[in-house]
Amino acid sequence: MTAGASTHPKITVIRPSSGWFDLDLGAVWRYRELLFFLVWREVKIRYKQAALGVAWAIVQPLFTVLIFTTIFGIFARFPSDGLPYPVFALAAVLPWTYFAEALRRGATGLVTDAELVRKIYFPRLIIPVAGVTSPLVDFLFGMLILIGVMAWYGLSPGWTILLLPFWLLITLALALAIGLWLGPINVRYRDVMHTLPFITQVWMFATPIVYPLSMIPPKWQALYSINPMVGIVEGFRWSLLGTGMPNLLSIGISFAVIAIALAGGAVYFRKMERSFADVI
């Protein structure tokens, strides 16, 4: 050992946040390799340990649209804004399927990765972020089916498809916002993981997926659009199918709800984060 060299080991002190808005987002970036690993792990588990593998990403939305087309398009004769009903439904089923799966993973990830949370330190925000990111792979495979169905009906997307990544990002933000609220609650009360499937099922029928927004009376559309998925579905249909202008009021209300939920969820998650390892 050279003269004057310190014999004291380097010590890193981890302290809980002190301010309401001390979100420490920089730590998430520093641990980005862990984030990538968690996303890649989820993707491998989903496809490698399933007999049908990637086909699940195609079969689920395809059969959902087939059932919706038969019941609501043929028997109930719901309007579809002048579009072939399978295209009309699939353009909404794809973002909804992604949102529902991202919400499930984002809200239950802390409990699923309980051993990881208890054993080592890392920004816990990485878990819900990884949870809402990994289902994007399913969405991309589903898009191939939608393009094929559109081609079958002689439809092709216009320039508005360039805005599709924007709507996808907004959907991710909504799933993350709700996951940040439900994740800490699920740590204390496991009822969340049991009630979430029921909530998403009811939520789906409260969203214009099997029916157009035009079926809602105009005087109720502003109230109806408090459901943030209303604006998202309208945006997806417009970007993919380019039919008319989207309902700007519904989209504006949806954006406001998502922004408030995401900001509040980030603060709430950060404040509850210090107790995860003890309670989980």
Protein backbone atom coordinates (compact mmCIF):
# COMPACT_ATOMS: atom_id res chain seq x y z
CA MET A 1 0.00 0.00 0.00
CA THR A 2 1.38 3.43 -0.93
CA ALA A 3 2.00 5.99 1.76
CA GLY A 4 -0.92 8.25 2.45
CA ALA A 5 -3.48 5.96 0.79
CA SER A 6 -6.80 5.79 2.59
CA THR A 7 -7.72 2.50 4.25
CA HIS A 8 -11.40 3.41 4.61
CA PRO A 9 -13.77 1.68 2.16
CA LYS A 10 -16.06 3.83 0.03
CA ILE A 11 -19.51 3.97 1.58
CA THR A 12 -22.70 4.78 -0.31
CA VAL A 13 -25.54 6.10 1.82
CA ILE A 14 -29.08 5.66 0.48
CA ARG A 15 -31.64 8.00 2.00
CA PRO A 16 -35.35 8.33 1.28
CA SER A 17 -36.58 11.35 -0.64
CA SER A 18 -37.28 14.45 1.38
CA GLY A 19 -39.46 16.55 -0.92
CA TRP A 20 -42.84 15.90 -2.46
CA PHE A 21 -41.51 16.29 -5.99
CA ASP A 22 -38.12 14.64 -5.48
CA LEU A 23 -38.78 11.94 -8.09
CA ASP A 24 -35.10 11.15 -8.75
CA LEU A 25 -35.71 10.34 -12.41
CA GLY A 26 -31.99 10.49 -13.03
CA ALA A 27 -31.60 7.24 -11.06
CA VAL A 28 -33.88 5.49 -13.53
CA TRP A 29 -31.53 6.50 -16.34
CA ARG A 30 -28.50 5.30 -14.39
CA TYR A 31 -30.15 1.90 -13.97
CA ARG A 32 -31.29 1.71 -17.60
CA GLU A 33 -29.48 -1.59 -18.11
CA LEU A 34 -31.66 -3.16 -15.41
CA LEU A 35 -34.72 -1.71 -17.12
CA PHE A 36 -33.68 -3.28 -20.42
CA PHE A 37 -33.05 -6.62 -18.68
CA LEU A 38 -36.50 -6.66 -17.05
CA VAL A 39 -38.22 -5.84 -20.35
CA TRP A 40 -36.24 -8.51 -22.19
CA ARG A 41 -37.00 -11.05 -19.45
CA GLU A 42 -40.74 -10.40 -19.74
CA VAL A 43 -40.64 -10.81 -23.51
CA LYS A 44 -38.69 -14.07 -23.32
CA ILE A 45 -40.96 -15.54 -20.65
CA ARG A 46 -44.08 -14.67 -22.62
CA TYR A 47 -42.95 -16.25 -25.87
CA LYS A 48 -40.41 -18.92 -24.87
CA GLN A 49 -42.60 -20.69 -22.31
CA ALA A 50 -45.77 -20.67 -24.41
CA ALA A 51 -46.64 -23.45 -26.84
CA LEU A 52 -47.97 -21.00 -29.42
CA GLY A 53 -45.24 -18.46 -28.76
CA VAL A 54 -45.62 -15.29 -30.83
CA ALA A 55 -48.96 -16.54 -32.17
CA TRP A 56 -50.63 -15.45 -28.91
CA ALA A 57 -50.04 -11.82 -29.87
CA ILE A 58 -52.03 -12.48 -33.06
CA VAL A 59 -54.67 -14.95 -31.90
CA GLN A 60 -56.03 -12.86 -29.03
CA PRO A 61 -56.97 -9.66 -30.93
CA LEU A 62 -58.03 -11.66 -34.00
CA PHE A 63 -60.55 -13.79 -32.10
CA THR A 64 -61.74 -10.77 -30.12
CA VAL A 65 -62.50 -8.90 -33.35
CA LEU A 66 -64.18 -11.99 -34.81
CA ILE A 67 -66.54 -12.18 -31.82
CA PHE A 68 -67.21 -8.42 -31.84
CA THR A 69 -67.91 -8.46 -35.58
CA THR A 70 -70.36 -11.34 -35.25
CA ILE A 71 -72.26 -9.99 -32.24
CA PHE A 72 -72.10 -6.23 -32.65
CA GLY A 73 -71.43 -5.83 -36.36
CA ILE A 74 -73.72 -8.50 -37.83
CA PHE A 75 -76.39 -9.23 -35.21
CA ALA A 76 -76.68 -5.89 -33.37
CA ARG A 77 -75.73 -3.88 -36.49
CA PHE A 78 -73.77 -1.21 -34.64
CA PRO A 79 -72.59 1.60 -36.92
CA SER A 80 -68.89 1.76 -37.79
CA ASP A 81 -68.45 5.27 -39.25
CA GLY A 82 -68.70 3.93 -42.80
CA LEU A 83 -65.81 1.48 -42.35
CA PRO A 84 -65.84 -2.32 -42.59
CA TYR A 85 -66.66 -3.40 -39.07
CA PRO A 86 -63.64 -5.74 -38.64
CA VAL A 87 -61.27 -2.86 -39.49
CA PHE A 88 -63.20 -0.44 -37.30
CA ALA A 89 -63.07 -2.82 -34.31
CA LEU A 90 -59.48 -4.01 -34.75
CA ALA A 91 -58.17 -0.43 -34.89
CA ALA A 92 -59.49 -0.01 -31.33
CA VAL A 93 -58.92 -3.54 -30.01
CA LEU A 94 -55.16 -3.32 -30.60
CA PRO A 95 -54.52 -0.24 -28.40
CA TRP A 96 -56.99 -1.54 -25.83
CA THR A 97 -55.30 -4.95 -25.66
CA TYR A 98 -51.94 -3.26 -25.21
CA PHE A 99 -53.32 -0.93 -22.53
CA ALA A 100 -55.01 -3.71 -20.55
CA GLU A 101 -51.89 -5.88 -20.53
CA ALA A 102 -49.58 -2.94 -19.74
CA LEU A 103 -51.87 -1.91 -16.89
CA ARG A 104 -51.90 -5.43 -15.46
CA ARG A 105 -48.12 -5.74 -15.52
CA GLY A 106 -47.52 -2.21 -14.27
CA ALA A 107 -49.91 -2.61 -11.34
CA THR A 108 -48.78 -6.07 -10.20
CA GLY A 109 -45.06 -5.94 -11.01
CA LEU A 110 -43.91 -5.00 -7.51
CA VAL A 111 -45.47 -8.12 -6.03
CA THR A 112 -44.34 -10.32 -8.93
CA ASP A 113 -40.74 -9.14 -8.41
CA ALA A 114 -40.98 -9.17 -4.61
CA GLU A 115 -37.69 -11.06 -4.17
CA LEU A 116 -35.86 -8.50 -6.26
CA VAL A 117 -37.40 -5.62 -4.31
CA ARG A 118 -36.42 -7.13 -0.96
CA LYS A 119 -32.84 -8.03 -1.79
CA ILE A 120 -31.21 -5.13 -3.65
CA TYR A 121 -31.56 -1.41 -4.09
CA PHE A 122 -32.62 0.11 -7.39
CA PRO A 123 -35.20 2.76 -8.33
CA ARG A 124 -38.49 0.94 -7.85
CA LEU A 125 -39.99 3.04 -10.63
CA ILE A 126 -38.13 0.76 -13.05
CA ILE A 127 -40.53 -2.12 -12.33
CA PRO A 128 -43.77 -0.43 -13.50
CA VAL A 129 -41.91 1.21 -16.41
CA ALA A 130 -40.68 -2.21 -17.53
CA GLY A 131 -44.16 -3.63 -17.03
CA VAL A 132 -45.84 -1.14 -19.36
CA THR A 133 -43.07 -1.33 -21.96
CA SER A 134 -42.80 -5.08 -22.58
CA PRO A 135 -46.33 -5.51 -24.12
CA LEU A 136 -45.29 -3.19 -26.97
CA VAL A 137 -43.93 -6.29 -28.70
CA ASP A 138 -47.43 -7.81 -28.78
CA PHE A 139 -48.81 -4.56 -30.18
CA LEU A 140 -46.31 -4.57 -33.06
CA PHE A 141 -47.27 -8.11 -34.04
CA GLY A 142 -50.93 -7.13 -33.85
CA MET A 143 -50.28 -4.23 -36.20
CA LEU A 144 -49.23 -6.72 -38.87
CA ILE A 145 -52.68 -8.31 -38.63
CA LEU A 146 -54.40 -4.93 -38.89
CA ILE A 147 -52.41 -3.99 -41.99
CA GLY A 148 -53.37 -7.33 -43.54
CA VAL A 149 -57.07 -6.84 -42.75
CA MET A 150 -56.97 -3.29 -44.14
CA ALA A 151 -55.34 -4.58 -47.34
CA TRP A 152 -58.07 -7.24 -47.60
CA TYR A 153 -60.70 -4.49 -47.63
CA GLY A 154 -58.70 -2.31 -50.00
CA LEU A 155 -57.81 0.30 -47.37
CA SER A 156 -54.43 1.94 -46.91
CA PRO A 157 -53.25 4.36 -44.20
CA GLY A 158 -52.49 7.97 -45.06
CA TRP A 159 -49.96 10.43 -43.67
CA THR A 160 -51.77 10.36 -40.32
CA ILE A 161 -50.15 7.00 -39.55
CA LEU A 162 -46.98 8.98 -38.80
CA LEU A 163 -48.71 10.10 -35.58
CA LEU A 164 -49.27 6.53 -34.43
CA PRO A 165 -46.15 6.47 -32.17
CA PHE A 166 -47.51 9.55 -30.42
CA TRP A 167 -50.80 7.82 -29.57
CA LEU A 168 -48.93 4.73 -28.48
CA LEU A 169 -46.81 6.85 -26.14
CA ILE A 170 -49.95 8.41 -24.66
CA THR A 171 -51.41 4.95 -24.08
CA LEU A 172 -48.21 3.90 -22.33
CA ALA A 173 -48.36 7.04 -20.18
CA LEU A 174 -51.93 6.22 -19.12
CA ALA A 175 -51.06 2.61 -18.23
CA LEU A 176 -48.03 3.83 -16.28
CA ALA A 177 -50.06 6.51 -14.48
CA ILE A 178 -52.63 4.03 -13.22
CA GLY A 179 -49.93 1.45 -12.45
CA LEU A 180 -48.13 3.99 -10.25
CA TRP A 181 -51.29 4.37 -8.19
CA LEU A 182 -52.33 0.72 -8.05
CA GLY A 183 -48.84 -0.77 -7.63
CA PRO A 184 -48.24 0.55 -4.07
CA ILE A 185 -51.83 -0.29 -3.12
CA ASN A 186 -51.33 -3.84 -4.40
CA VAL A 187 -48.26 -4.17 -2.17
CA ARG A 188 -50.47 -3.73 0.89
CA TYR A 189 -53.75 -5.14 -0.38
CA ARG A 190 -53.63 -8.04 -2.84
CA ASP A 191 -57.26 -7.36 -3.75
CA VAL A 192 -55.97 -5.19 -6.59
CA MET A 193 -54.69 -8.11 -8.65
CA HIS A 194 -58.00 -9.92 -8.19
CA THR A 195 -60.27 -6.99 -9.07
CA LEU A 196 -58.17 -5.61 -11.94
CA PRO A 197 -59.49 -8.08 -14.59
CA PHE A 198 -63.07 -7.12 -13.70
CA ILE A 199 -62.25 -3.40 -13.80
CA THR A 200 -60.61 -3.63 -17.22
CA GLN A 201 -63.51 -5.68 -18.60
CA VAL A 202 -66.06 -3.06 -17.51
CA TRP A 203 -63.75 -0.28 -18.69
CA MET A 204 -63.56 -1.81 -22.17
CA PHE A 205 -67.31 -1.54 -22.70
CA ALA A 206 -67.20 2.04 -21.39
CA THR A 207 -64.80 2.84 -24.24
CA PRO A 208 -65.87 3.29 -27.91
CA ILE A 209 -64.37 0.02 -29.14
CA VAL A 210 -67.40 -1.93 -30.39
CA TYR A 211 -69.36 1.26 -31.11
CA PRO A 212 -68.38 4.72 -32.43
CA LEU A 213 -68.20 7.84 -30.31
CA SER A 214 -71.00 9.27 -32.48
CA MET A 215 -73.47 6.94 -30.70
CA ILE A 216 -73.00 8.98 -27.52
CA PRO A 217 -75.33 12.01 -27.44
CA PRO A 218 -73.32 15.23 -27.97
CA LYS A 219 -74.40 16.70 -24.63
CA TRP A 220 -72.83 13.72 -22.83
CA GLN A 221 -69.63 13.41 -24.83
CA ALA A 222 -67.59 15.77 -22.62
CA LEU A 223 -68.53 13.80 -19.49
CA TYR A 224 -67.98 10.51 -21.32
CA SER A 225 -64.49 11.65 -22.36
CA ILE A 226 -63.32 11.77 -18.74
CA ASN A 227 -62.53 8.17 -19.59
CA PRO A 228 -59.06 8.85 -21.06
CA MET A 229 -59.23 5.84 -23.37
CA VAL A 230 -61.94 7.60 -25.35
CA GLY A 231 -59.52 10.17 -26.75
CA ILE A 232 -56.84 7.53 -27.26
CA VAL A 233 -59.11 5.22 -29.28
CA GLU A 234 -60.34 8.17 -31.35
CA GLY A 235 -56.74 9.14 -32.03
CA PHE A 236 -55.75 5.63 -33.04
CA ARG A 237 -58.65 5.25 -35.45
CA TRP A 238 -57.91 8.61 -37.02
CA SER A 239 -54.20 7.86 -37.39
CA LEU A 240 -54.75 4.40 -38.85
CA LEU A 241 -57.83 4.94 -40.96
CA GLY A 242 -57.75 8.71 -41.59
CA THR A 243 -61.52 9.08 -41.54
CA GLY A 244 -62.48 12.69 -40.82
CA MET A 245 -61.14 14.71 -37.91
CA PRO A 246 -60.91 13.22 -34.42
CA ASN A 247 -63.05 14.64 -31.65
CA LEU A 248 -60.70 17.32 -30.30
CA LEU A 249 -62.78 17.85 -27.15
CA SER A 250 -62.53 14.17 -26.19
CA ILE A 251 -58.81 14.10 -26.93
CA GLY A 252 -58.16 17.29 -24.95
CA ILE A 253 -60.04 15.99 -21.90
CA SER A 254 -58.22 12.66 -22.12
CA PHE A 255 -54.84 14.40 -22.24
CA ALA A 256 -55.67 16.48 -19.18
CA VAL A 257 -56.82 13.44 -17.18
CA ILE A 258 -53.69 11.46 -18.14
CA ALA A 259 -51.34 14.34 -17.25
CA ILE A 260 -52.93 14.80 -13.81
CA ALA A 261 -52.99 11.05 -13.12
CA LEU A 262 -49.35 10.60 -14.20
CA ALA A 263 -48.02 13.51 -12.13
CA GLY A 264 -50.00 12.47 -9.05
CA GLY A 265 -49.10 8.82 -9.51
CA ALA A 266 -45.37 9.59 -9.73
CA VAL A 267 -45.47 11.56 -6.49
CA TYR A 268 -47.56 8.93 -4.69
CA PHE A 269 -45.34 6.07 -5.89
CA ARG A 270 -42.19 7.89 -4.78
CA LYS A 271 -43.60 8.53 -1.30
CA MET A 272 -44.69 4.93 -0.83
CA GLU A 273 -41.48 3.50 -2.27
CA ARG A 274 -39.56 3.53 1.04
CA SER A 275 -41.91 0.96 2.60
CA PHE A 276 -42.09 -1.55 -0.25
CA ALA A 277 -39.32 -3.88 0.98
CA ASP A 278 -40.81 -4.03 4.50
CA VAL A 279 -44.43 -4.58 3.53
CA ILE A 280 -44.15 -6.74 0.47
